[in-house]
Amino acid sequence: MSVLVEIRRIQTTVEEIFHEFGPLPGRTERIASVCVVLTNPYAGRYEPDILPTMEALKPAGLEMATRCLDALGGDPTTVEGYGKGAVVGSAGELEHGALWHVPGGYAMREILGNAKAIVPSTKKVAGPGARIDIPVTHINACYVRSHFGAVEVGVPGSPQADEMVLILVMTTGARIHERVGGLRADQISVWDGQR
C-alpha cells in the first residue's frame, strides 16, 4: 500500500428493498455501498501538488468496486446504477475529496465492463459521523429517469479531522414503482453515456 493511502476501516452495506407503496413490485431492489476510511496525507496543510494521491488511490478504487459488486452477488450484468462520493475531515479541504473522481469512477466502470455513463459524484468537508447522499444514475445512460436516486451513507465516528471517507455505490435496478416517464433503460440507443 502506498504511503499516501493508509486505510483504517472498511464498511460494506447492502440494503434490500422489497416493497414501498402500492402493489407488490415482483422484484427486489438491492443497493450496496462500500466506504473506506483512510488517512488524509494533506490534513492540516496546503499542498499545491496533490495529484500523486489520485494515482495512489487507483488500487483502492478497484478493491472497493470489487467489494461492492461482490456484495450484490458478483455478476456485473445485474448492476444498473452507480455513484460515488467523499467526506473529508475538518483538517482537509474539498479538493482532497475531488481526488476520488478518477480512481473511484474508472474502477467501477472497469469492474462493470466499461459502463458508458459518467459516475455521478458528491463531496463535502464534515466531522465524525457525517452522512452524505450519494447520487445514483444508470450505468450506461445518465438520462434514464427511472434510475435517478441517492443513497445516504456514513461511517460512525468518521471522518476524524485527519481522515477521508471514500464511497462507492451500486444498485441493481430502477426505483421501486418508478413511473415518471422519460428515457427507459430498454430504450438506450446512442450508447454515448447519455442516451
N, C-alpha and C. Protein backbone atom coordinates (compact mmCIF):
# COMPACT_ATOMS: atom_id res chain seq x y z
N MET A 1 0.86 -1.19 0.00
CA MET A 1 0.00 0.00 0.00
C MET A 1 0.90 1.25 0.00
N SER A 2 0.51 2.21 -0.78
CA SER A 2 1.27 3.45 -0.88
C SER A 2 1.27 4.19 0.45
N VAL A 3 2.35 4.92 0.73
CA VAL A 3 2.41 5.74 1.93
C VAL A 3 1.33 6.83 1.90
N LEU A 4 0.87 7.18 0.70
CA LEU A 4 -0.17 8.19 0.56
C LEU A 4 -1.56 7.64 0.87
N VAL A 5 -1.71 6.30 0.89
CA VAL A 5 -3.02 5.69 1.13
C VAL A 5 -2.90 4.70 2.29
N GLU A 6 -3.33 5.14 3.46
CA GLU A 6 -3.33 4.30 4.66
C GLU A 6 -4.78 4.06 5.06
N ILE A 7 -5.28 2.86 4.78
CA ILE A 7 -6.67 2.54 5.08
C ILE A 7 -6.81 2.18 6.55
N ARG A 8 -7.80 2.77 7.20
CA ARG A 8 -8.06 2.49 8.62
C ARG A 8 -9.27 1.58 8.81
N ARG A 9 -10.31 1.75 7.99
CA ARG A 9 -11.53 0.96 8.17
C ARG A 9 -12.21 0.78 6.82
N ILE A 10 -12.96 -0.32 6.69
CA ILE A 10 -13.80 -0.55 5.52
C ILE A 10 -15.18 -0.97 6.01
N GLN A 11 -16.19 -0.35 5.46
CA GLN A 11 -17.58 -0.68 5.81
C GLN A 11 -18.34 -1.02 4.53
N THR A 12 -18.95 -2.19 4.50
CA THR A 12 -19.77 -2.62 3.37
C THR A 12 -21.20 -2.81 3.85
N THR A 13 -22.15 -2.25 3.11
CA THR A 13 -23.56 -2.32 3.48
C THR A 13 -24.39 -2.75 2.28
N VAL A 14 -25.37 -3.60 2.52
CA VAL A 14 -26.32 -3.98 1.47
C VAL A 14 -27.72 -3.73 1.99
N GLU A 15 -28.50 -2.99 1.22
CA GLU A 15 -29.91 -2.75 1.53
C GLU A 15 -30.75 -3.48 0.49
N GLU A 16 -31.82 -4.15 0.94
CA GLU A 16 -32.74 -4.82 0.05
C GLU A 16 -34.12 -4.19 0.23
N ILE A 17 -34.68 -3.68 -0.85
CA ILE A 17 -36.00 -3.04 -0.80
C ILE A 17 -37.01 -3.99 -1.43
N PHE A 18 -37.92 -4.48 -0.61
CA PHE A 18 -38.92 -5.44 -1.07
C PHE A 18 -40.22 -4.78 -1.50
N HIS A 19 -40.56 -3.66 -0.84
CA HIS A 19 -41.85 -3.04 -1.11
C HIS A 19 -41.86 -1.62 -0.58
N GLU A 20 -42.59 -0.75 -1.27
CA GLU A 20 -42.84 0.58 -0.73
C GLU A 20 -44.35 0.73 -0.63
N PHE A 21 -44.98 1.49 -1.52
CA PHE A 21 -46.44 1.61 -1.52
C PHE A 21 -46.99 0.88 -2.73
N GLY A 22 -48.33 0.80 -2.82
CA GLY A 22 -48.95 0.23 -4.00
C GLY A 22 -48.82 -1.28 -4.05
N PRO A 23 -48.94 -1.84 -5.26
CA PRO A 23 -48.90 -3.30 -5.41
C PRO A 23 -47.50 -3.84 -5.16
N LEU A 24 -47.42 -5.13 -4.86
CA LEU A 24 -46.11 -5.77 -4.71
C LEU A 24 -45.35 -5.64 -6.03
N PRO A 25 -44.09 -5.24 -5.98
CA PRO A 25 -43.36 -4.94 -7.22
C PRO A 25 -42.91 -6.17 -8.02
N GLY A 26 -42.84 -7.32 -7.39
CA GLY A 26 -42.40 -8.50 -8.12
C GLY A 26 -40.89 -8.59 -8.31
N ARG A 27 -40.15 -7.71 -7.68
CA ARG A 27 -38.69 -7.75 -7.74
C ARG A 27 -38.14 -7.10 -6.48
N THR A 28 -36.90 -7.37 -6.20
CA THR A 28 -36.21 -6.77 -5.05
C THR A 28 -35.13 -5.84 -5.57
N GLU A 29 -35.13 -4.63 -5.07
CA GLU A 29 -34.07 -3.67 -5.40
C GLU A 29 -32.95 -3.85 -4.37
N ARG A 30 -31.72 -4.01 -4.84
CA ARG A 30 -30.59 -4.18 -3.94
C ARG A 30 -29.61 -3.03 -4.16
N ILE A 31 -29.11 -2.50 -3.05
CA ILE A 31 -28.18 -1.37 -3.07
C ILE A 31 -26.99 -1.72 -2.19
N ALA A 32 -25.80 -1.64 -2.76
CA ALA A 32 -24.57 -1.89 -1.98
C ALA A 32 -23.74 -0.62 -1.91
N SER A 33 -23.14 -0.40 -0.76
CA SER A 33 -22.19 0.70 -0.62
C SER A 33 -20.95 0.19 0.08
N VAL A 34 -19.81 0.72 -0.34
CA VAL A 34 -18.54 0.43 0.32
C VAL A 34 -17.92 1.77 0.70
N CYS A 35 -17.60 1.90 1.98
CA CYS A 35 -16.96 3.12 2.49
C CYS A 35 -15.59 2.74 3.03
N VAL A 36 -14.58 3.46 2.60
CA VAL A 36 -13.23 3.25 3.11
C VAL A 36 -12.80 4.51 3.86
N VAL A 37 -12.35 4.30 5.08
CA VAL A 37 -11.82 5.40 5.89
C VAL A 37 -10.30 5.34 5.77
N LEU A 38 -9.69 6.43 5.33
CA LEU A 38 -8.25 6.46 5.20
C LEU A 38 -7.69 7.77 5.71
N THR A 39 -6.42 7.77 6.02
CA THR A 39 -5.77 8.99 6.47
C THR A 39 -5.67 9.95 5.29
N ASN A 40 -5.82 11.21 5.58
CA ASN A 40 -5.66 12.25 4.57
C ASN A 40 -4.20 12.72 4.63
N PRO A 41 -3.40 12.41 3.62
CA PRO A 41 -1.97 12.77 3.68
C PRO A 41 -1.72 14.27 3.68
N TYR A 42 -2.75 15.06 3.37
CA TYR A 42 -2.59 16.51 3.30
C TYR A 42 -3.32 17.25 4.43
N ALA A 43 -3.79 16.50 5.41
CA ALA A 43 -4.53 17.12 6.51
C ALA A 43 -3.68 18.16 7.22
N GLY A 44 -4.28 19.32 7.48
CA GLY A 44 -3.62 20.35 8.26
C GLY A 44 -2.64 21.23 7.52
N ARG A 45 -2.54 21.04 6.19
CA ARG A 45 -1.59 21.87 5.45
C ARG A 45 -2.06 22.00 4.01
N TYR A 46 -1.60 23.05 3.37
CA TYR A 46 -1.89 23.23 1.94
C TYR A 46 -0.78 22.60 1.13
N GLU A 47 -1.14 21.73 0.21
CA GLU A 47 -0.18 21.09 -0.67
C GLU A 47 -0.55 21.43 -2.11
N PRO A 48 0.32 22.12 -2.86
CA PRO A 48 -0.04 22.51 -4.21
C PRO A 48 -0.17 21.34 -5.18
N ASP A 49 0.60 20.28 -4.99
CA ASP A 49 0.56 19.14 -5.92
C ASP A 49 -0.01 17.92 -5.20
N ILE A 50 -1.31 17.71 -5.38
CA ILE A 50 -1.98 16.57 -4.73
C ILE A 50 -2.23 15.41 -5.70
N LEU A 51 -1.84 15.57 -6.96
CA LEU A 51 -2.12 14.54 -7.96
C LEU A 51 -1.49 13.17 -7.66
N PRO A 52 -0.34 13.08 -6.98
CA PRO A 52 0.17 11.74 -6.68
C PRO A 52 -0.83 10.86 -5.92
N THR A 53 -1.66 11.46 -5.09
CA THR A 53 -2.63 10.67 -4.34
C THR A 53 -3.71 10.13 -5.26
N MET A 54 -4.08 10.85 -6.30
CA MET A 54 -5.07 10.34 -7.24
C MET A 54 -4.58 9.02 -7.84
N GLU A 55 -3.34 8.98 -8.24
CA GLU A 55 -2.76 7.76 -8.78
C GLU A 55 -2.69 6.67 -7.71
N ALA A 56 -2.30 7.05 -6.51
CA ALA A 56 -2.15 6.08 -5.42
C ALA A 56 -3.48 5.46 -5.00
N LEU A 57 -4.59 6.14 -5.27
CA LEU A 57 -5.92 5.64 -4.89
C LEU A 57 -6.48 4.62 -5.87
N LYS A 58 -5.87 4.46 -7.03
CA LYS A 58 -6.42 3.55 -8.04
C LYS A 58 -6.58 2.12 -7.54
N PRO A 59 -5.58 1.52 -6.87
CA PRO A 59 -5.79 0.16 -6.35
C PRO A 59 -6.94 0.08 -5.34
N ALA A 60 -7.06 1.10 -4.49
CA ALA A 60 -8.18 1.12 -3.53
C ALA A 60 -9.51 1.19 -4.28
N GLY A 61 -9.56 1.96 -5.35
CA GLY A 61 -10.78 2.05 -6.14
C GLY A 61 -11.19 0.70 -6.70
N LEU A 62 -10.23 -0.03 -7.26
CA LEU A 62 -10.53 -1.36 -7.81
C LEU A 62 -10.97 -2.33 -6.73
N GLU A 63 -10.30 -2.28 -5.57
CA GLU A 63 -10.68 -3.15 -4.45
C GLU A 63 -12.10 -2.84 -3.98
N MET A 64 -12.42 -1.55 -3.85
CA MET A 64 -13.75 -1.16 -3.40
C MET A 64 -14.83 -1.54 -4.41
N ALA A 65 -14.55 -1.32 -5.69
CA ALA A 65 -15.53 -1.67 -6.72
C ALA A 65 -15.78 -3.17 -6.73
N THR A 66 -14.73 -3.95 -6.55
CA THR A 66 -14.88 -5.40 -6.49
C THR A 66 -15.72 -5.81 -5.28
N ARG A 67 -15.45 -5.20 -4.14
CA ARG A 67 -16.23 -5.50 -2.93
C ARG A 67 -17.70 -5.13 -3.12
N CYS A 68 -17.94 -3.99 -3.75
CA CYS A 68 -19.32 -3.54 -3.97
C CYS A 68 -20.05 -4.53 -4.87
N LEU A 69 -19.41 -4.92 -5.96
CA LEU A 69 -20.01 -5.90 -6.87
C LEU A 69 -20.22 -7.23 -6.16
N ASP A 70 -19.24 -7.69 -5.41
CA ASP A 70 -19.38 -8.95 -4.68
C ASP A 70 -20.54 -8.91 -3.70
N ALA A 71 -20.77 -7.77 -3.07
CA ALA A 71 -21.88 -7.63 -2.11
C ALA A 71 -23.23 -7.81 -2.79
N LEU A 72 -23.26 -7.55 -4.11
CA LEU A 72 -24.50 -7.73 -4.88
C LEU A 72 -24.55 -9.08 -5.60
N GLY A 73 -23.59 -9.96 -5.31
CA GLY A 73 -23.62 -11.28 -5.89
C GLY A 73 -22.53 -11.57 -6.91
N GLY A 74 -21.78 -10.54 -7.32
CA GLY A 74 -20.63 -10.76 -8.18
C GLY A 74 -20.88 -10.75 -9.68
N ASP A 75 -22.13 -10.60 -10.11
CA ASP A 75 -22.45 -10.62 -11.54
C ASP A 75 -22.63 -9.19 -12.05
N PRO A 76 -21.69 -8.68 -12.87
CA PRO A 76 -21.80 -7.30 -13.33
C PRO A 76 -23.04 -7.02 -14.16
N THR A 77 -23.64 -8.03 -14.76
CA THR A 77 -24.84 -7.80 -15.58
C THR A 77 -26.07 -7.45 -14.74
N THR A 78 -25.99 -7.64 -13.42
CA THR A 78 -27.14 -7.31 -12.56
C THR A 78 -27.09 -5.87 -12.07
N VAL A 79 -25.97 -5.17 -12.27
CA VAL A 79 -25.82 -3.80 -11.77
C VAL A 79 -26.32 -2.82 -12.82
N GLU A 80 -27.22 -1.94 -12.42
CA GLU A 80 -27.81 -0.96 -13.34
C GLU A 80 -27.54 0.49 -12.95
N GLY A 81 -27.16 0.74 -11.70
CA GLY A 81 -26.93 2.11 -11.26
C GLY A 81 -25.67 2.22 -10.43
N TYR A 82 -25.09 3.44 -10.41
CA TYR A 82 -23.91 3.65 -9.58
C TYR A 82 -23.71 5.10 -9.23
N GLY A 83 -22.84 5.32 -8.23
CA GLY A 83 -22.50 6.67 -7.80
C GLY A 83 -21.29 6.61 -6.88
N LYS A 84 -20.73 7.77 -6.56
CA LYS A 84 -19.56 7.81 -5.70
C LYS A 84 -19.54 9.12 -4.92
N GLY A 85 -18.71 9.17 -3.88
CA GLY A 85 -18.61 10.40 -3.10
C GLY A 85 -17.48 10.33 -2.10
N ALA A 86 -17.29 11.44 -1.40
CA ALA A 86 -16.24 11.53 -0.39
C ALA A 86 -16.64 12.51 0.70
N VAL A 87 -16.24 12.17 1.91
CA VAL A 87 -16.39 13.08 3.05
C VAL A 87 -14.98 13.30 3.60
N VAL A 88 -14.57 14.55 3.61
CA VAL A 88 -13.22 14.92 4.05
C VAL A 88 -13.31 15.47 5.47
N GLY A 89 -12.43 15.01 6.35
CA GLY A 89 -12.38 15.52 7.71
C GLY A 89 -12.01 16.99 7.77
N SER A 90 -12.25 17.59 8.93
CA SER A 90 -12.15 19.05 9.06
C SER A 90 -10.76 19.62 8.88
N ALA A 91 -9.71 18.82 8.96
CA ALA A 91 -8.35 19.33 8.71
C ALA A 91 -7.98 19.25 7.24
N GLY A 92 -8.93 18.82 6.40
CA GLY A 92 -8.69 18.75 4.97
C GLY A 92 -9.51 19.78 4.22
N GLU A 93 -9.48 19.70 2.92
CA GLU A 93 -10.23 20.63 2.09
C GLU A 93 -11.03 19.86 1.04
N LEU A 94 -12.01 20.52 0.47
CA LEU A 94 -12.90 19.89 -0.50
C LEU A 94 -12.13 19.28 -1.66
N GLU A 95 -11.05 19.92 -2.07
CA GLU A 95 -10.26 19.42 -3.19
C GLU A 95 -9.66 18.05 -2.92
N HIS A 96 -9.44 17.73 -1.67
CA HIS A 96 -8.94 16.39 -1.33
C HIS A 96 -9.99 15.33 -1.68
N GLY A 97 -11.25 15.65 -1.49
CA GLY A 97 -12.32 14.72 -1.88
C GLY A 97 -12.42 14.58 -3.39
N ALA A 98 -12.06 15.63 -4.12
CA ALA A 98 -12.10 15.58 -5.58
C ALA A 98 -11.07 14.60 -6.14
N LEU A 99 -10.08 14.24 -5.36
CA LEU A 99 -9.09 13.24 -5.79
C LEU A 99 -9.75 11.89 -6.09
N TRP A 100 -10.96 11.68 -5.59
CA TRP A 100 -11.65 10.40 -5.75
C TRP A 100 -12.35 10.27 -7.09
N HIS A 101 -12.52 11.36 -7.83
CA HIS A 101 -13.28 11.30 -9.08
C HIS A 101 -12.73 10.27 -10.05
N VAL A 102 -11.46 10.32 -10.36
CA VAL A 102 -10.89 9.40 -11.34
C VAL A 102 -10.76 7.98 -10.81
N PRO A 103 -10.10 7.75 -9.66
CA PRO A 103 -9.94 6.36 -9.23
C PRO A 103 -11.26 5.67 -8.90
N GLY A 104 -12.21 6.38 -8.33
CA GLY A 104 -13.49 5.76 -7.99
C GLY A 104 -14.35 5.48 -9.21
N GLY A 105 -14.43 6.46 -10.10
CA GLY A 105 -15.27 6.31 -11.28
C GLY A 105 -14.75 5.28 -12.26
N TYR A 106 -13.47 5.37 -12.58
CA TYR A 106 -12.93 4.43 -13.55
C TYR A 106 -12.90 3.01 -13.01
N ALA A 107 -12.72 2.84 -11.71
CA ALA A 107 -12.72 1.50 -11.13
C ALA A 107 -14.08 0.83 -11.33
N MET A 108 -15.16 1.56 -11.05
CA MET A 108 -16.48 0.95 -11.22
C MET A 108 -16.77 0.67 -12.69
N ARG A 109 -16.41 1.59 -13.56
CA ARG A 109 -16.66 1.36 -14.99
C ARG A 109 -15.88 0.15 -15.48
N GLU A 110 -14.66 -0.03 -15.00
CA GLU A 110 -13.86 -1.18 -15.41
C GLU A 110 -14.44 -2.49 -14.87
N ILE A 111 -14.77 -2.52 -13.60
CA ILE A 111 -15.30 -3.74 -12.98
C ILE A 111 -16.62 -4.15 -13.63
N LEU A 112 -17.40 -3.16 -14.06
CA LEU A 112 -18.71 -3.46 -14.66
C LEU A 112 -18.64 -3.67 -16.17
N GLY A 113 -17.45 -3.70 -16.74
CA GLY A 113 -17.34 -3.96 -18.17
C GLY A 113 -17.43 -2.70 -19.00
N ASN A 114 -16.77 -1.65 -18.55
CA ASN A 114 -16.73 -0.38 -19.29
C ASN A 114 -18.11 0.25 -19.46
N ALA A 115 -18.80 0.42 -18.36
CA ALA A 115 -20.07 1.14 -18.36
C ALA A 115 -19.85 2.50 -19.01
N LYS A 116 -20.88 3.02 -19.68
CA LYS A 116 -20.72 4.21 -20.53
C LYS A 116 -20.92 5.55 -19.82
N ALA A 117 -21.82 5.60 -18.84
CA ALA A 117 -22.18 6.90 -18.24
C ALA A 117 -21.14 7.36 -17.23
N ILE A 118 -20.98 8.67 -17.15
CA ILE A 118 -20.14 9.24 -16.11
C ILE A 118 -20.72 8.85 -14.76
N VAL A 119 -19.87 8.59 -13.79
CA VAL A 119 -20.33 8.21 -12.45
C VAL A 119 -20.64 9.49 -11.68
N PRO A 120 -21.91 9.69 -11.29
CA PRO A 120 -22.24 10.91 -10.55
C PRO A 120 -21.53 10.93 -9.21
N SER A 121 -21.31 12.14 -8.70
CA SER A 121 -20.46 12.26 -7.52
C SER A 121 -20.87 13.44 -6.66
N THR A 122 -20.50 13.36 -5.39
CA THR A 122 -20.65 14.47 -4.47
C THR A 122 -19.54 14.38 -3.43
N LYS A 123 -19.29 15.48 -2.76
CA LYS A 123 -18.26 15.51 -1.73
C LYS A 123 -18.53 16.68 -0.79
N LYS A 124 -18.00 16.55 0.43
CA LYS A 124 -18.12 17.63 1.39
C LYS A 124 -17.05 17.48 2.46
N VAL A 125 -16.84 18.56 3.22
CA VAL A 125 -15.99 18.54 4.39
C VAL A 125 -16.92 18.49 5.59
N ALA A 126 -16.69 17.55 6.51
CA ALA A 126 -17.59 17.39 7.65
C ALA A 126 -16.87 16.65 8.77
N GLY A 127 -17.55 16.56 9.91
CA GLY A 127 -16.97 15.93 11.08
C GLY A 127 -17.36 14.48 11.26
N PRO A 128 -16.92 13.87 12.36
CA PRO A 128 -17.18 12.45 12.62
C PRO A 128 -18.68 12.13 12.61
N GLY A 129 -19.01 11.02 11.97
CA GLY A 129 -20.40 10.57 11.91
C GLY A 129 -21.22 11.23 10.82
N ALA A 130 -20.59 12.10 10.04
CA ALA A 130 -21.33 12.80 8.97
C ALA A 130 -21.90 11.79 7.98
N ARG A 131 -23.08 12.11 7.47
CA ARG A 131 -23.70 11.30 6.44
C ARG A 131 -23.75 12.12 5.15
N ILE A 132 -23.80 11.42 4.05
CA ILE A 132 -23.79 12.10 2.76
C ILE A 132 -24.71 11.34 1.81
N ASP A 133 -25.42 12.07 0.97
CA ASP A 133 -26.28 11.46 -0.05
C ASP A 133 -25.46 11.28 -1.33
N ILE A 134 -25.29 10.03 -1.75
CA ILE A 134 -24.52 9.72 -2.96
C ILE A 134 -25.50 9.66 -4.13
N PRO A 135 -25.34 10.50 -5.15
CA PRO A 135 -26.24 10.45 -6.30
C PRO A 135 -26.04 9.18 -7.10
N VAL A 136 -27.13 8.68 -7.69
CA VAL A 136 -27.09 7.45 -8.48
C VAL A 136 -27.76 7.69 -9.82
N THR A 137 -27.14 7.21 -10.90
CA THR A 137 -27.76 7.21 -12.22
C THR A 137 -27.47 5.87 -12.89
N HIS A 138 -28.13 5.65 -14.03
CA HIS A 138 -27.94 4.41 -14.79
C HIS A 138 -26.50 4.32 -15.28
N ILE A 139 -25.95 3.11 -15.34
CA ILE A 139 -24.54 2.93 -15.68
C ILE A 139 -24.23 3.20 -17.15
N ASN A 140 -25.23 3.16 -18.02
CA ASN A 140 -24.96 3.36 -19.45
C ASN A 140 -25.59 4.60 -20.06
N ALA A 141 -26.51 5.23 -19.37
CA ALA A 141 -27.14 6.43 -19.91
C ALA A 141 -27.66 7.28 -18.76
N CYS A 142 -27.04 8.42 -18.54
CA CYS A 142 -27.39 9.24 -17.38
C CYS A 142 -28.78 9.86 -17.48
N TYR A 143 -29.42 9.82 -18.67
CA TYR A 143 -30.76 10.38 -18.81
C TYR A 143 -31.87 9.38 -18.51
N VAL A 144 -31.54 8.17 -18.10
CA VAL A 144 -32.57 7.19 -17.76
C VAL A 144 -33.18 7.60 -16.42
N ARG A 145 -34.37 8.20 -16.49
CA ARG A 145 -35.00 8.82 -15.33
C ARG A 145 -35.34 7.83 -14.22
N SER A 146 -35.67 6.59 -14.58
CA SER A 146 -36.10 5.59 -13.60
C SER A 146 -35.00 5.26 -12.60
N HIS A 147 -33.76 5.55 -12.93
CA HIS A 147 -32.64 5.20 -12.07
C HIS A 147 -32.07 6.38 -11.29
N PHE A 148 -32.66 7.58 -11.47
CA PHE A 148 -32.23 8.72 -10.67
C PHE A 148 -32.49 8.40 -9.20
N GLY A 149 -31.51 8.62 -8.36
CA GLY A 149 -31.71 8.37 -6.94
C GLY A 149 -30.54 8.87 -6.13
N ALA A 150 -30.57 8.53 -4.86
CA ALA A 150 -29.49 8.87 -3.94
C ALA A 150 -29.49 7.84 -2.82
N VAL A 151 -28.31 7.56 -2.32
CA VAL A 151 -28.15 6.60 -1.23
C VAL A 151 -27.44 7.33 -0.10
N GLU A 152 -28.06 7.35 1.07
CA GLU A 152 -27.45 8.00 2.23
C GLU A 152 -26.50 7.03 2.91
N VAL A 153 -25.26 7.47 3.10
CA VAL A 153 -24.25 6.63 3.75
C VAL A 153 -23.45 7.43 4.75
N GLY A 154 -22.79 6.72 5.62
CA GLY A 154 -21.90 7.33 6.59
C GLY A 154 -21.22 6.25 7.41
N VAL A 155 -20.12 6.59 8.04
CA VAL A 155 -19.38 5.66 8.88
C VAL A 155 -19.35 6.25 10.28
N PRO A 156 -19.88 5.53 11.27
CA PRO A 156 -19.87 6.07 12.63
C PRO A 156 -18.47 6.45 13.09
N GLY A 157 -18.33 7.66 13.62
CA GLY A 157 -17.04 8.12 14.15
C GLY A 157 -16.06 8.63 13.13
N SER A 158 -16.43 8.62 11.87
CA SER A 158 -15.52 9.08 10.81
C SER A 158 -16.23 10.05 9.88
N PRO A 159 -15.49 10.96 9.26
CA PRO A 159 -14.04 11.09 9.32
C PRO A 159 -13.57 11.91 10.51
N GLN A 160 -12.49 11.46 11.13
CA GLN A 160 -11.80 12.31 12.08
C GLN A 160 -11.14 13.43 11.28
N ALA A 161 -10.60 14.42 11.96
CA ALA A 161 -10.06 15.59 11.27
C ALA A 161 -9.01 15.23 10.22
N ASP A 162 -8.22 14.18 10.48
CA ASP A 162 -7.13 13.82 9.56
C ASP A 162 -7.50 12.67 8.63
N GLU A 163 -8.80 12.41 8.46
CA GLU A 163 -9.26 11.29 7.65
C GLU A 163 -10.10 11.75 6.46
N MET A 164 -10.33 10.81 5.55
CA MET A 164 -11.31 10.95 4.48
C MET A 164 -12.11 9.65 4.44
N VAL A 165 -13.37 9.77 4.06
CA VAL A 165 -14.20 8.59 3.79
C VAL A 165 -14.50 8.61 2.30
N LEU A 166 -14.07 7.57 1.60
CA LEU A 166 -14.34 7.44 0.17
C LEU A 166 -15.44 6.41 -0.01
N ILE A 167 -16.37 6.65 -0.94
CA ILE A 167 -17.58 5.85 -1.04
C ILE A 167 -17.86 5.47 -2.48
N LEU A 168 -18.26 4.21 -2.68
CA LEU A 168 -18.80 3.72 -3.95
C LEU A 168 -20.16 3.08 -3.67
N VAL A 169 -21.09 3.27 -4.62
CA VAL A 169 -22.44 2.70 -4.51
C VAL A 169 -22.81 2.04 -5.82
N MET A 170 -23.45 0.87 -5.74
CA MET A 170 -24.03 0.20 -6.91
C MET A 170 -25.44 -0.24 -6.57
N THR A 171 -26.32 -0.22 -7.58
CA THR A 171 -27.71 -0.67 -7.41
C THR A 171 -28.08 -1.65 -8.52
N THR A 172 -29.11 -2.45 -8.25
CA THR A 172 -29.50 -3.49 -9.21
C THR A 172 -30.68 -3.11 -10.09
N GLY A 173 -31.19 -1.91 -9.98
CA GLY A 173 -32.32 -1.58 -10.85
C GLY A 173 -32.90 -0.21 -10.57
N ALA A 174 -34.03 0.01 -11.21
CA ALA A 174 -34.76 1.27 -11.08
C ALA A 174 -35.39 1.38 -9.69
N ARG A 175 -35.88 2.57 -9.38
CA ARG A 175 -36.64 2.75 -8.14
C ARG A 175 -37.85 1.82 -8.16
N ILE A 176 -38.24 1.34 -6.99
CA ILE A 176 -39.46 0.54 -6.88
C ILE A 176 -40.63 1.42 -7.33
N HIS A 177 -41.45 0.91 -8.24
CA HIS A 177 -42.63 1.63 -8.76
C HIS A 177 -42.27 2.92 -9.50
N GLU A 178 -41.12 2.98 -10.15
CA GLU A 178 -40.78 4.17 -10.94
C GLU A 178 -41.86 4.36 -12.01
N ARG A 179 -42.28 5.61 -12.21
CA ARG A 179 -43.33 5.87 -13.19
C ARG A 179 -43.39 7.35 -13.58
N VAL A 180 -42.23 7.97 -13.77
CA VAL A 180 -42.22 9.39 -14.13
C VAL A 180 -41.80 9.60 -15.59
N GLY A 181 -41.82 8.54 -16.39
CA GLY A 181 -41.58 8.69 -17.82
C GLY A 181 -40.14 8.92 -18.18
N GLY A 182 -39.94 9.47 -19.38
CA GLY A 182 -38.60 9.73 -19.88
C GLY A 182 -37.97 8.49 -20.48
N LEU A 183 -36.70 8.61 -20.82
CA LEU A 183 -35.95 7.51 -21.41
C LEU A 183 -35.93 6.32 -20.46
N ARG A 184 -36.21 5.13 -21.00
CA ARG A 184 -36.18 3.91 -20.21
C ARG A 184 -34.89 3.14 -20.51
N ALA A 185 -34.49 2.29 -19.59
CA ALA A 185 -33.25 1.53 -19.76
C ALA A 185 -33.29 0.68 -21.03
N ASP A 186 -34.46 0.14 -21.38
CA ASP A 186 -34.55 -0.69 -22.58
C ASP A 186 -34.63 0.13 -23.87
N GLN A 187 -34.58 1.46 -23.73
CA GLN A 187 -34.61 2.35 -24.90
C GLN A 187 -33.25 3.00 -25.17
N ILE A 188 -32.23 2.65 -24.39
CA ILE A 188 -30.89 3.21 -24.62
C ILE A 188 -30.46 2.82 -26.03
N SER A 189 -30.09 3.82 -26.83
CA SER A 189 -29.74 3.52 -28.23
C SER A 189 -28.47 4.22 -28.71
N VAL A 190 -28.12 5.33 -28.12
CA VAL A 190 -26.99 6.10 -28.61
C VAL A 190 -25.67 5.55 -28.07
N TRP A 191 -25.69 5.00 -26.85
CA TRP A 191 -24.52 4.42 -26.19
C TRP A 191 -23.36 5.42 -26.09
N ASP A 192 -23.73 6.65 -25.73
CA ASP A 192 -22.72 7.68 -25.51
C ASP A 192 -22.60 8.07 -24.05
N GLY A 193 -23.25 7.29 -23.18
CA GLY A 193 -23.25 7.59 -21.76
C GLY A 193 -24.36 8.52 -21.34
N GLN A 194 -25.08 9.08 -22.32
CA GLN A 194 -26.16 9.99 -22.00
C GLN A 194 -27.53 9.42 -22.39
N ARG A 195 -27.68 8.97 -23.65
CA ARG A 195 -28.95 8.49 -24.14
C ARG A 195 -28.83 7.12 -24.77
